[in-house]
Each structure stands twice: as structure tokens, then as C-alpha cells.
Amino acid sequence: MTWETIEAPPGLAPPRPITVRAQAIPARHSFPEHAHRWHQMVYAISGVLTVAVEGHSFVISPEQAVWLPTGLPHRTGSLLGAEFRSLWIADEAGRGLPASPTVFGVTPLLKALIVEATAIEGEEDRDGYAGRVTSLILDQLRRAQALPGALPWPRGGSSLTLLCEALYASPADPRGPEAWGRELGMSERTLARRFEAEMGMSLRSWRRRLRLFKAIELMGGGLDVTRTALELGYGSTSAFVYAFRTDMGCSPQAYMRGRGADRFARPQGSRVERSPVREPRQG
């Protein structure tokens, strides 16, 4: 299936100091590549977004957001549809924030502030309340932790897009590199080489990260741990719990209780010892 293009609204005014835009994006729709004369934070209230920037593409969930500095060309879309918020931030207000594109965790407080800023957008700030909300948002952005674990996504038109879209829709799909190579008309070795060159990791590592990403999405939608494990193709609930704990440093139950976005980033130097476990069959 092809993707449709959404035109950006005309006459965009610069933020003073923050403008919040709320928008729904249908499945398989995207904005064409563009840049702003101000900083931007892209965040999905629900659903997931694909963001392409500087030759790379990745997916973010409602636990994540992307910081895009002024003037950086980017493209935003959604495979399955999403409700998202764009925070446009004036250059002077964004001092001290990253000078390069950054994926970071969204804390419950930052999410609540974004929701509130959306609700009061455009209202006259007679008592300074909107200004205080703006200040808190900027404070939260400066305290946000960068995440090393964003889910890479193929660039538009890549032959790998079919593969990644199929695995995203059905993460329990058992086909390995040899079967997918036949599907895409290339050898297993060529597929492995192209995947690693474009995505920066092996297909096996990407599938593991995809399952972690989908686990958070599914549990956030109300599925329990056992059903989530089955949906992701794990042979048992304990195998899923072990894999989740290895990558996240806590159990799925503990993560969902805390909804702590900062758990995406494990402190440097930490290590979780591995032991044999039956994971989904994969390539």
C-alpha cells in the first residue's frame, strides 16, 4: 500500500515563545520533507509516529518524543494513524536544548503539561498561567533524558519497508532472513548486509527492539502480560518477562505501574547477566 501526503497548513506564524498544534494523522499518511524557522518537539498522544531526519528514520511511541532543532529538514508520518502534538519553540526560548535531533522519554508530568498547553492554546494570558505552563514545559525538556533505544525505520522507497511493515503488523511472524530474502528477491546474505547498512543493526536485533516497542504499545492499550507475550510470539510468559527485564531493567508489570519513561535509558555501565531462555523463533 502506498502512502499519501498531507500538505502543511499555510501562513504559519512563529511561536512566542511556544505554539502547540494538535492534529490527527491518518494511517499511511505523512507530511513532505520540510524545515521550520524555529525548534520543534514532535509527540504522539496516541498511536505511533515515524520521523525521518538526516538520512535516518525511526518510530516513536507515546512514551517518546523527538526534538528537532531550528532549520533541520524532516518528515513526519504514521503507519497506523496517530493523534499527535507539535510544540514549536522560539530560538531564544530553546537555549540550552540539544543542537541535534534527539529522541527522549516523556514523563507523566511533561505529558500532562503538553495536554494542558493544548487546552489553553490561543487564550489570553491575563494572570500569567500560560506563561508558567510554558516555563514548566521548557524546564521538563531541559531535564529530559535522551534515549538510545529508538526503533529505526527504513527510509521511504526502501525495499526493506515491506519487511518492517509486515513485522510491525505481526511481530510473531516466524519467517527468518532466508524466507524474507526470497520475498524481497534477494539472497539471505544481501538482505542481512542491506538491513545492517540502512538500519544500523542486524535484523535479529531490530526484531528484538520491535518486540520491546510493541510490548509497551500493547500493554499501554490494556493487554495483560500473558496476552502481550502471545501477541509478540514468545513461547511463554516467563520468556517475555525475562527479555523485557533484560532490556528495560524491570519487569513489564513494574514498568507499567510506574510508566516511567526514564527507564528507557539504562545508566551507562549497567549490565544484566543473561541466562538461556526460549525466545521467539526469528532470523
C-alpha atoms as a PDB file:
ATOM      1  CA  MET A   1       0.000   0.000   0.000  1.00  0.00           C
ATOM      2  CA  THR A   2       1.204   3.489  -0.822  1.00  0.00           C
ATOM      3  CA  TRP A   3       1.466   6.468   1.493  1.00  0.00           C
ATOM      4  CA  GLU A   4      -0.486   9.703   0.987  1.00  0.00           C
ATOM      5  CA  THR A   5       0.955  13.175   1.505  1.00  0.00           C
ATOM      6  CA  ILE A   6      -0.570  15.770   3.837  1.00  0.00           C
ATOM      7  CA  GLU A   7       0.066  19.395   2.993  1.00  0.00           C
ATOM      8  CA  ALA A   8       1.276  21.603   5.833  1.00  0.00           C
ATOM      9  CA  PRO A   9      -1.127  24.455   6.741  1.00  0.00           C
ATOM     10  CA  PRO A  10      -0.213  27.815   5.133  1.00  0.00           C
ATOM     11  CA  GLY A  11       0.663  31.027   6.925  1.00  0.00           C
ATOM     12  CA  LEU A  12       2.424  29.541   9.924  1.00  0.00           C
ATOM     13  CA  ALA A  13       3.282  32.247  12.460  1.00  0.00           C
ATOM     14  CA  PRO A  14       6.446  31.981  14.566  1.00  0.00           C
ATOM     15  CA  PRO A  15       5.985  30.838  18.186  1.00  0.00           C
ATOM     16  CA  ARG A  16       6.043  33.433  21.015  1.00  0.00           C
ATOM     17  CA  PRO A  17       7.637  31.598  22.756  1.00  0.00           C
ATOM     18  CA  ILE A  18       5.700  28.306  22.331  1.00  0.00           C
ATOM     19  CA  THR A  19       2.888  27.337  19.971  1.00  0.00           C
ATOM     20  CA  VAL A  20       1.120  23.988  20.377  1.00  0.00           C
ATOM     21  CA  ARG A  21      -0.535  22.331  17.399  1.00  0.00           C
ATOM     22  CA  ALA A  22      -2.911  19.370  17.843  1.00  0.00           C
ATOM     23  CA  GLN A  23      -3.565  17.173  14.843  1.00  0.00           C
ATOM     24  CA  ALA A  24      -4.653  13.694  13.829  1.00  0.00           C
ATOM     25  CA  ILE A  25      -2.726  11.924  11.093  1.00  0.00           C
ATOM     26  CA  PRO A  26      -4.422   9.030   9.251  1.00  0.00           C
ATOM     27  CA  ALA A  27      -2.754   5.682   8.639  1.00  0.00           C
ATOM     28  CA  ARG A  28      -0.120   5.722   5.887  1.00  0.00           C
ATOM     29  CA  HIS A  29      -0.059   9.496   5.638  1.00  0.00           C
ATOM     30  CA  SER A  30       2.926  11.792   6.023  1.00  0.00           C
ATOM     31  CA  PHE A  31       3.985  15.401   5.687  1.00  0.00           C
ATOM     32  CA  PRO A  32       6.543  16.050   2.934  1.00  0.00           C
ATOM     33  CA  GLU A  33      10.070  16.892   3.988  1.00  0.00           C
ATOM     34  CA  HIS A  34      10.227  20.430   5.361  1.00  0.00           C
ATOM     35  CA  ALA A  35      12.017  22.609   7.908  1.00  0.00           C
ATOM     36  CA  HIS A  36      10.952  25.351  10.342  1.00  0.00           C
ATOM     37  CA  ARG A  37      12.489  28.653  11.379  1.00  0.00           C
ATOM     38  CA  TRP A  38      12.078  27.509  14.989  1.00  0.00           C
ATOM     39  CA  HIS A  39      12.624  24.405  17.138  1.00  0.00           C
ATOM     40  CA  GLN A  40      10.021  21.638  17.156  1.00  0.00           C
ATOM     41  CA  MET A  41       9.091  18.808  19.517  1.00  0.00           C
ATOM     42  CA  VAL A  42       7.056  16.002  17.934  1.00  0.00           C
ATOM     43  CA  TYR A  43       4.950  13.858  20.263  1.00  0.00           C
ATOM     44  CA  ALA A  44       2.167  11.281  19.757  1.00  0.00           C
ATOM     45  CA  ILE A  45      -0.595  11.418  22.385  1.00  0.00           C
ATOM     46  CA  SER A  46      -1.809   8.078  20.987  1.00  0.00           C
ATOM     47  CA  GLY A  47      -0.606   5.820  18.204  1.00  0.00           C
ATOM     48  CA  VAL A  48       2.909   5.894  16.804  1.00  0.00           C
ATOM     49  CA  LEU A  49       4.754   8.285  14.507  1.00  0.00           C
ATOM     50  CA  THR A  50       7.529   7.744  12.001  1.00  0.00           C
ATOM     51  CA  VAL A  51      10.086  10.551  11.841  1.00  0.00           C
ATOM     52  CA  ALA A  52      12.713  10.804   9.105  1.00  0.00           C
ATOM     53  CA  VAL A  53      15.679  13.128   9.659  1.00  0.00           C
ATOM     54  CA  GLU A  54      19.281  13.367   8.428  1.00  0.00           C
ATOM     55  CA  GLY A  55      19.080  10.204   6.335  1.00  0.00           C
ATOM     56  CA  HIS A  56      17.627   8.151   9.190  1.00  0.00           C
ATOM     57  CA  SER A  57      14.078   7.141  10.034  1.00  0.00           C
ATOM     58  CA  PHE A  58      12.621   5.780  13.281  1.00  0.00           C
ATOM     59  CA  VAL A  59       9.361   5.185  15.130  1.00  0.00           C
ATOM     60  CA  ILE A  60       8.284   6.809  18.390  1.00  0.00           C
ATOM     61  CA  SER A  61       5.552   5.752  20.824  1.00  0.00           C
ATOM     62  CA  PRO A  62       3.572   7.866  23.347  1.00  0.00           C
ATOM     63  CA  GLU A  63       6.418   7.301  25.813  1.00  0.00           C
ATOM     64  CA  GLN A  64       8.811   9.085  23.465  1.00  0.00           C
ATOM     65  CA  ALA A  65       9.203  12.405  21.653  1.00  0.00           C
ATOM     66  CA  VAL A  66      11.634  13.866  19.124  1.00  0.00           C
ATOM     67  CA  TRP A  67      13.442  17.184  19.439  1.00  0.00           C
ATOM     68  CA  LEU A  68      14.141  18.845  16.065  1.00  0.00           C
ATOM     69  CA  PRO A  69      16.394  21.928  16.125  1.00  0.00           C
ATOM     70  CA  THR A  70      15.692  25.006  14.021  1.00  0.00           C
ATOM     71  CA  GLY A  71      16.164  24.580  10.273  1.00  0.00           C
ATOM     72  CA  LEU A  72      16.514  20.786  10.306  1.00  0.00           C
ATOM     73  CA  PRO A  73      14.754  19.099   7.339  1.00  0.00           C
ATOM     74  CA  HIS A  74      12.459  16.303   8.493  1.00  0.00           C
ATOM     75  CA  ARG A  75       9.425  14.267   7.519  1.00  0.00           C
ATOM     76  CA  THR A  76       6.705  13.014   9.881  1.00  0.00           C
ATOM     77  CA  GLY A  77       4.086  10.339   9.200  1.00  0.00           C
ATOM     78  CA  SER A  78       2.248   7.389  10.731  1.00  0.00           C
ATOM     79  CA  LEU A  79       1.933   3.784   9.614  1.00  0.00           C
ATOM     80  CA  LEU A  80      -1.260   3.042  11.580  1.00  0.00           C
ATOM     81  CA  GLY A  81      -2.504   6.561  12.406  1.00  0.00           C
ATOM     82  CA  ALA A  82      -1.890   8.773  15.437  1.00  0.00           C
ATOM     83  CA  GLU A  83      -3.021  11.767  17.462  1.00  0.00           C
ATOM     84  CA  PHE A  84      -0.005  13.999  17.812  1.00  0.00           C
ATOM     85  CA  ARG A  85       1.126  17.320  19.193  1.00  0.00           C
ATOM     86  CA  SER A  86       3.774  19.614  17.774  1.00  0.00           C
ATOM     87  CA  LEU A  87       5.392  22.125  20.089  1.00  0.00           C
ATOM     88  CA  TRP A  88       7.015  24.946  18.167  1.00  0.00           C
ATOM     89  CA  ILE A  89       9.569  26.731  20.304  1.00  0.00           C
ATOM     90  CA  ALA A  90      11.276  30.020  19.508  1.00  0.00           C
ATOM     91  CA  ASP A  91      15.060  30.004  19.215  1.00  0.00           C
ATOM     92  CA  GLU A  92      15.625  32.166  22.272  1.00  0.00           C
ATOM     93  CA  ALA A  93      13.310  30.008  24.403  1.00  0.00           C
ATOM     94  CA  GLY A  94      15.144  26.870  23.318  1.00  0.00           C
ATOM     95  CA  ARG A  95      18.558  27.897  24.590  1.00  0.00           C
ATOM     96  CA  GLY A  96      20.248  25.029  26.383  1.00  0.00           C
ATOM     97  CA  LEU A  97      18.292  22.384  24.454  1.00  0.00           C
ATOM     98  CA  PRO A  98      20.030  19.932  22.084  1.00  0.00           C
ATOM     99  CA  ALA A  99      21.622  21.238  18.890  1.00  0.00           C
ATOM    100  CA  SER A 100      20.971  17.925  17.100  1.00  0.00           C
ATOM    101  CA  PRO A 101      17.857  15.748  16.653  1.00  0.00           C
ATOM    102  CA  THR A 102      17.198  13.806  19.850  1.00  0.00           C
ATOM    103  CA  VAL A 103      14.736  11.120  20.948  1.00  0.00           C
ATOM    104  CA  PHE A 104      13.882  11.392  24.637  1.00  0.00           C
ATOM    105  CA  GLY A 105      11.497   9.933  27.215  1.00  0.00           C
ATOM    106  CA  VAL A 106       8.245  11.741  28.015  1.00  0.00           C
ATOM    107  CA  THR A 107       7.481  11.758  31.734  1.00  0.00           C
ATOM    108  CA  PRO A 108       3.874  11.797  33.004  1.00  0.00           C
ATOM    109  CA  LEU A 109       4.401  15.415  34.090  1.00  0.00           C
ATOM    110  CA  LEU A 110       5.581  16.534  30.647  1.00  0.00           C
ATOM    111  CA  LYS A 111       2.662  14.728  29.003  1.00  0.00           C
ATOM    112  CA  ALA A 112       0.205  16.471  31.352  1.00  0.00           C
ATOM    113  CA  LEU A 113       1.804  19.839  30.611  1.00  0.00           C
ATOM    114  CA  ILE A 114       1.523  19.252  26.855  1.00  0.00           C
ATOM    115  CA  VAL A 115      -2.156  18.352  27.238  1.00  0.00           C
ATOM    116  CA  GLU A 116      -2.757  21.488  29.328  1.00  0.00           C
ATOM    117  CA  ALA A 117      -0.834  23.714  26.900  1.00  0.00           C
ATOM    118  CA  THR A 118      -3.011  22.366  24.085  1.00  0.00           C
ATOM    119  CA  ALA A 119      -6.189  23.119  26.051  1.00  0.00           C
ATOM    120  CA  ILE A 120      -5.244  26.756  26.715  1.00  0.00           C
ATOM    121  CA  GLU A 121      -3.604  27.459  23.326  1.00  0.00           C
ATOM    122  CA  GLY A 122      -4.808  30.786  21.942  1.00  0.00           C
ATOM    123  CA  GLU A 123      -6.320  32.049  25.211  1.00  0.00           C
ATOM    124  CA  GLU A 124      -5.347  35.446  26.561  1.00  0.00           C
ATOM    125  CA  ASP A 125      -2.803  35.032  29.371  1.00  0.00           C
ATOM    126  CA  ARG A 126      -4.290  37.542  31.805  1.00  0.00           C
ATOM    127  CA  ASP A 127      -2.941  36.053  35.028  1.00  0.00           C
ATOM    128  CA  GLY A 128       0.307  34.578  33.704  1.00  0.00           C
ATOM    129  CA  TYR A 129      -0.873  30.972  33.955  1.00  0.00           C
ATOM    130  CA  ALA A 130       0.024  30.116  30.344  1.00  0.00           C
ATOM    131  CA  GLY A 131       3.472  31.579  30.897  1.00  0.00           C
ATOM    132  CA  ARG A 132       4.000  29.343  33.909  1.00  0.00           C
ATOM    133  CA  VAL A 133       2.930  26.278  31.929  1.00  0.00           C
ATOM    134  CA  THR A 134       5.381  27.284  29.191  1.00  0.00           C
ATOM    135  CA  SER A 135       8.203  27.660  31.721  1.00  0.00           C
ATOM    136  CA  LEU A 136       7.483  24.231  33.188  1.00  0.00           C
ATOM    137  CA  ILE A 137       7.496  22.638  29.719  1.00  0.00           C
ATOM    138  CA  LEU A 138      10.881  24.175  28.957  1.00  0.00           C
ATOM    139  CA  ASP A 139      12.196  23.028  32.335  1.00  0.00           C
ATOM    140  CA  GLN A 140      10.996  19.485  31.623  1.00  0.00           C
ATOM    141  CA  LEU A 141      12.584  19.482  28.163  1.00  0.00           C
ATOM    142  CA  ARG A 142      15.923  20.520  29.644  1.00  0.00           C
ATOM    143  CA  ARG A 143      15.680  17.684  32.178  1.00  0.00           C
ATOM    144  CA  ALA A 144      14.581  15.053  29.625  1.00  0.00           C
ATOM    145  CA  GLN A 145      16.801  12.012  29.161  1.00  0.00           C
ATOM    146  CA  ALA A 146      17.964  11.121  25.667  1.00  0.00           C
ATOM    147  CA  LEU A 147      17.044   7.572  24.654  1.00  0.00           C
ATOM    148  CA  PRO A 148      19.468   5.260  22.867  1.00  0.00           C
ATOM    149  CA  GLY A 149      16.729   2.763  22.023  1.00  0.00           C
ATOM    150  CA  ALA A 150      14.532   4.364  19.360  1.00  0.00           C
ATOM    151  CA  LEU A 151      13.207   1.909  16.771  1.00  0.00           C
ATOM    152  CA  PRO A 152      14.931   2.528  13.404  1.00  0.00           C
ATOM    153  CA  TRP A 153      12.713   2.548  10.320  1.00  0.00           C
ATOM    154  CA  PRO A 154      13.586   2.197   6.624  1.00  0.00           C
ATOM    155  CA  ARG A 155      13.800   5.318   4.524  1.00  0.00           C
ATOM    156  CA  GLY A 156      10.977   5.970   2.070  1.00  0.00           C
ATOM    157  CA  GLY A 157      11.071   3.757  -1.008  1.00  0.00           C
ATOM    158  CA  SER A 158      13.436   1.240   0.571  1.00  0.00           C
ATOM    159  CA  SER A 159      12.934  -2.432  -0.290  1.00  0.00           C
ATOM    160  CA  LEU A 160      13.091  -3.085   3.448  1.00  0.00           C
ATOM    161  CA  THR A 161       9.883  -1.143   4.090  1.00  0.00           C
ATOM    162  CA  LEU A 162       7.712  -4.150   3.164  1.00  0.00           C
ATOM    163  CA  LEU A 163       9.619  -6.309   5.638  1.00  0.00           C
ATOM    164  CA  CYS A 164       9.429  -3.849   8.533  1.00  0.00           C
ATOM    165  CA  GLU A 165       5.772  -3.003   7.975  1.00  0.00           C
ATOM    166  CA  ALA A 166       4.863  -6.709   7.927  1.00  0.00           C
ATOM    167  CA  LEU A 167       6.788  -7.422  11.138  1.00  0.00           C
ATOM    168  CA  TYR A 168       5.329  -4.341  12.833  1.00  0.00           C
ATOM    169  CA  ALA A 169       1.802  -5.541  11.986  1.00  0.00           C
ATOM    170  CA  SER A 170       2.623  -9.118  13.024  1.00  0.00           C
ATOM    171  CA  PRO A 171       5.650  -9.265  15.355  1.00  0.00           C
ATOM    172  CA  ALA A 172       5.088 -13.008  15.909  1.00  0.00           C
ATOM    173  CA  ASP A 173       5.800 -13.695  12.209  1.00  0.00           C
ATOM    174  CA  PRO A 174       8.325 -16.585  12.353  1.00  0.00           C
ATOM    175  CA  ARG A 175       9.953 -16.027   8.942  1.00  0.00           C
ATOM    176  CA  GLY A 176      13.711 -15.581   9.065  1.00  0.00           C
ATOM    177  CA  PRO A 177      16.225 -13.894   6.744  1.00  0.00           C
ATOM    178  CA  GLU A 178      16.185 -16.699   4.161  1.00  0.00           C
ATOM    179  CA  ALA A 179      12.387 -16.582   3.739  1.00  0.00           C
ATOM    180  CA  TRP A 180      12.312 -12.791   3.731  1.00  0.00           C
ATOM    181  CA  GLY A 181      15.143 -12.719   1.219  1.00  0.00           C
ATOM    182  CA  ARG A 182      13.035 -14.792  -1.166  1.00  0.00           C
ATOM    183  CA  GLU A 183      10.067 -12.489  -0.528  1.00  0.00           C
ATOM    184  CA  LEU A 184      12.150  -9.437  -1.417  1.00  0.00           C
ATOM    185  CA  GLY A 185      14.012 -11.056  -4.320  1.00  0.00           C
ATOM    186  CA  MET A 186      17.475 -11.128  -2.758  1.00  0.00           C
ATOM    187  CA  SER A 187      19.771 -13.599  -1.058  1.00  0.00           C
ATOM    188  CA  GLU A 188      19.889 -14.019   2.715  1.00  0.00           C
ATOM    189  CA  ARG A 189      23.383 -12.501   2.757  1.00  0.00           C
ATOM    190  CA  THR A 190      22.326  -9.492   0.669  1.00  0.00           C
ATOM    191  CA  LEU A 191      19.319  -8.897   2.904  1.00  0.00           C
ATOM    192  CA  ALA A 192      21.497  -9.022   6.022  1.00  0.00           C
ATOM    193  CA  ARG A 193      24.023  -6.606   4.512  1.00  0.00           C
ATOM    194  CA  ARG A 194      21.391  -4.120   3.328  1.00  0.00           C
ATOM    195  CA  PHE A 195      19.480  -4.262   6.592  1.00  0.00           C
ATOM    196  CA  GLU A 196      22.522  -3.560   8.725  1.00  0.00           C
ATOM    197  CA  ALA A 197      23.733  -0.787   6.395  1.00  0.00           C
ATOM    198  CA  GLU A 198      20.396   1.033   6.389  1.00  0.00           C
ATOM    199  CA  MET A 199      19.141   0.337   9.906  1.00  0.00           C
ATOM    200  CA  GLY A 200      22.413   0.306  11.831  1.00  0.00           C
ATOM    201  CA  MET A 201      21.726  -3.102  13.399  1.00  0.00           C
ATOM    202  CA  SER A 202      21.054  -6.702  12.433  1.00  0.00           C
ATOM    203  CA  LEU A 203      17.582  -7.958  11.594  1.00  0.00           C
ATOM    204  CA  ARG A 204      17.653 -10.082  14.756  1.00  0.00           C
ATOM    205  CA  SER A 205      18.476  -7.079  16.959  1.00  0.00           C
ATOM    206  CA  TRP A 206      15.839  -4.967  15.229  1.00  0.00           C
ATOM    207  CA  ARG A 207      13.156  -7.612  15.802  1.00  0.00           C
ATOM    208  CA  ARG A 208      14.072  -7.746  19.463  1.00  0.00           C
ATOM    209  CA  ARG A 209      13.752  -3.972  19.749  1.00  0.00           C
ATOM    210  CA  LEU A 210      10.487  -4.074  17.788  1.00  0.00           C
ATOM    211  CA  ARG A 211       9.027  -6.558  20.259  1.00  0.00           C
ATOM    212  CA  LEU A 212      10.016  -4.339  23.167  1.00  0.00           C
ATOM    213  CA  PHE A 213       8.461  -1.340  21.428  1.00  0.00           C
ATOM    214  CA  LYS A 214       5.269  -3.268  20.654  1.00  0.00           C
ATOM    215  CA  ALA A 215       5.109  -4.665  24.192  1.00  0.00           C
ATOM    216  CA  ILE A 216       4.868  -1.157  25.629  1.00  0.00           C
ATOM    217  CA  GLU A 217       2.303  -0.203  22.997  1.00  0.00           C
ATOM    218  CA  LEU A 218       0.155  -3.303  23.640  1.00  0.00           C
ATOM    219  CA  MET A 219       0.297  -3.126  27.436  1.00  0.00           C
ATOM    220  CA  GLY A 220      -0.430   0.589  27.274  1.00  0.00           C
ATOM    221  CA  GLY A 221      -3.572  -0.334  25.336  1.00  0.00           C
ATOM    222  CA  GLY A 222      -4.762  -2.612  28.131  1.00  0.00           C
ATOM    223  CA  LEU A 223      -3.396  -6.070  27.257  1.00  0.00           C
ATOM    224  CA  ASP A 224      -2.109  -8.109  30.168  1.00  0.00           C
ATOM    225  CA  VAL A 225       1.383  -9.592  30.225  1.00  0.00           C
ATOM    226  CA  THR A 226       0.335 -13.092  29.120  1.00  0.00           C
ATOM    227  CA  ARG A 227      -1.667 -11.864  26.128  1.00  0.00           C
ATOM    228  CA  THR A 228       1.132  -9.479  25.163  1.00  0.00           C
ATOM    229  CA  ALA A 229       3.653 -12.337  25.228  1.00  0.00           C
ATOM    230  CA  LEU A 230       1.435 -14.385  22.897  1.00  0.00           C
ATOM    231  CA  GLU A 231       0.876 -11.462  20.530  1.00  0.00           C
ATOM    232  CA  LEU A 232       4.620 -10.967  20.266  1.00  0.00           C
ATOM    233  CA  GLY A 233       5.327 -14.640  19.577  1.00  0.00           C
ATOM    234  CA  TYR A 234       7.107 -15.611  22.782  1.00  0.00           C
ATOM    235  CA  GLY A 235       6.920 -19.277  23.730  1.00  0.00           C
ATOM    236  CA  SER A 236       5.983 -18.443  27.317  1.00  0.00           C
ATOM    237  CA  THR A 237       5.165 -15.519  29.572  1.00  0.00           C
ATOM    238  CA  SER A 238       8.382 -16.065  31.511  1.00  0.00           C
ATOM    239  CA  ALA A 239      10.456 -15.761  28.315  1.00  0.00           C
ATOM    240  CA  PHE A 240       8.804 -12.424  27.562  1.00  0.00           C
ATOM    241  CA  VAL A 241       9.277 -11.167  31.126  1.00  0.00           C
ATOM    242  CA  TYR A 242      12.962 -12.129  31.025  1.00  0.00           C
ATOM    243  CA  ALA A 243      13.551 -10.380  27.689  1.00  0.00           C
ATOM    244  CA  PHE A 244      11.736  -7.272  28.886  1.00  0.00           C
ATOM    245  CA  ARG A 245      13.640  -7.156  32.156  1.00  0.00           C
ATOM    246  CA  THR A 246      16.972  -7.637  30.343  1.00  0.00           C
ATOM    247  CA  ASP A 247      16.386  -4.624  28.104  1.00  0.00           C
ATOM    248  CA  MET A 248      14.446  -2.365  30.469  1.00  0.00           C
ATOM    249  CA  GLY A 249      15.910  -3.233  33.861  1.00  0.00           C
ATOM    250  CA  CYS A 250      12.489  -4.029  35.368  1.00  0.00           C
ATOM    251  CA  SER A 251       9.556  -6.371  34.821  1.00  0.00           C
ATOM    252  CA  PRO A 252       6.684  -5.439  32.479  1.00  0.00           C
ATOM    253  CA  GLN A 253       4.382  -5.110  35.487  1.00  0.00           C
ATOM    254  CA  ALA A 254       6.771  -2.749  37.280  1.00  0.00           C
ATOM    255  CA  TYR A 255       7.253  -0.688  34.145  1.00  0.00           C
ATOM    256  CA  MET A 256       3.528  -0.274  33.561  1.00  0.00           C
ATOM    257  CA  ARG A 257       2.937   0.625  37.215  1.00  0.00           C
ATOM    258  CA  GLY A 258       5.489   3.370  37.024  1.00  0.00           C
ATOM    259  CA  ARG A 259       5.045   4.335  33.353  1.00  0.00           C
ATOM    260  CA  GLY A 260       8.494   5.792  33.954  1.00  0.00           C
ATOM    261  CA  ALA A 261       9.797   6.986  30.589  1.00  0.00           C
ATOM    262  CA  ASP A 262      13.218   7.393  32.169  1.00  0.00           C
ATOM    263  CA  ARG A 263      13.517   3.604  32.305  1.00  0.00           C
ATOM    264  CA  PHE A 264      14.189   3.603  28.575  1.00  0.00           C
ATOM    265  CA  ALA A 265      17.677   4.841  29.356  1.00  0.00           C
ATOM    266  CA  ARG A 266      19.775   2.478  31.420  1.00  0.00           C
ATOM    267  CA  PRO A 267      22.692   4.116  33.231  1.00  0.00           C
ATOM    268  CA  GLN A 268      25.984   3.679  31.434  1.00  0.00           C
ATOM    269  CA  GLY A 269      27.991   0.741  32.647  1.00  0.00           C
ATOM    270  CA  SER A 270      24.996  -1.191  33.972  1.00  0.00           C
ATOM    271  CA  ARG A 271      24.762  -4.801  32.995  1.00  0.00           C
ATOM    272  CA  VAL A 272      22.145  -7.520  33.271  1.00  0.00           C
ATOM    273  CA  GLU A 273      23.505 -11.054  33.280  1.00  0.00           C
ATOM    274  CA  ARG A 274      21.915 -13.290  30.673  1.00  0.00           C
ATOM    275  CA  SER A 275      20.823 -16.882  31.059  1.00  0.00           C
ATOM    276  CA  PRO A 276      19.415 -19.297  28.484  1.00  0.00           C
ATOM    277  CA  VAL A 277      15.774 -18.582  27.633  1.00  0.00           C
ATOM    278  CA  ARG A 278      13.466 -19.613  24.893  1.00  0.00           C
ATOM    279  CA  GLU A 279      12.709 -16.587  22.734  1.00  0.00           C
ATOM    280  CA  PRO A 280      10.556 -16.388  19.601  1.00  0.00           C
ATOM    281  CA  ARG A 281      11.923 -18.152  16.564  1.00  0.00           C
ATOM    282  CA  GLN A 282      13.428 -15.500  14.356  1.00  0.00           C
ATOM    283  CA  GLY A 283      16.144 -14.777  11.864  1.00  0.00           C
END
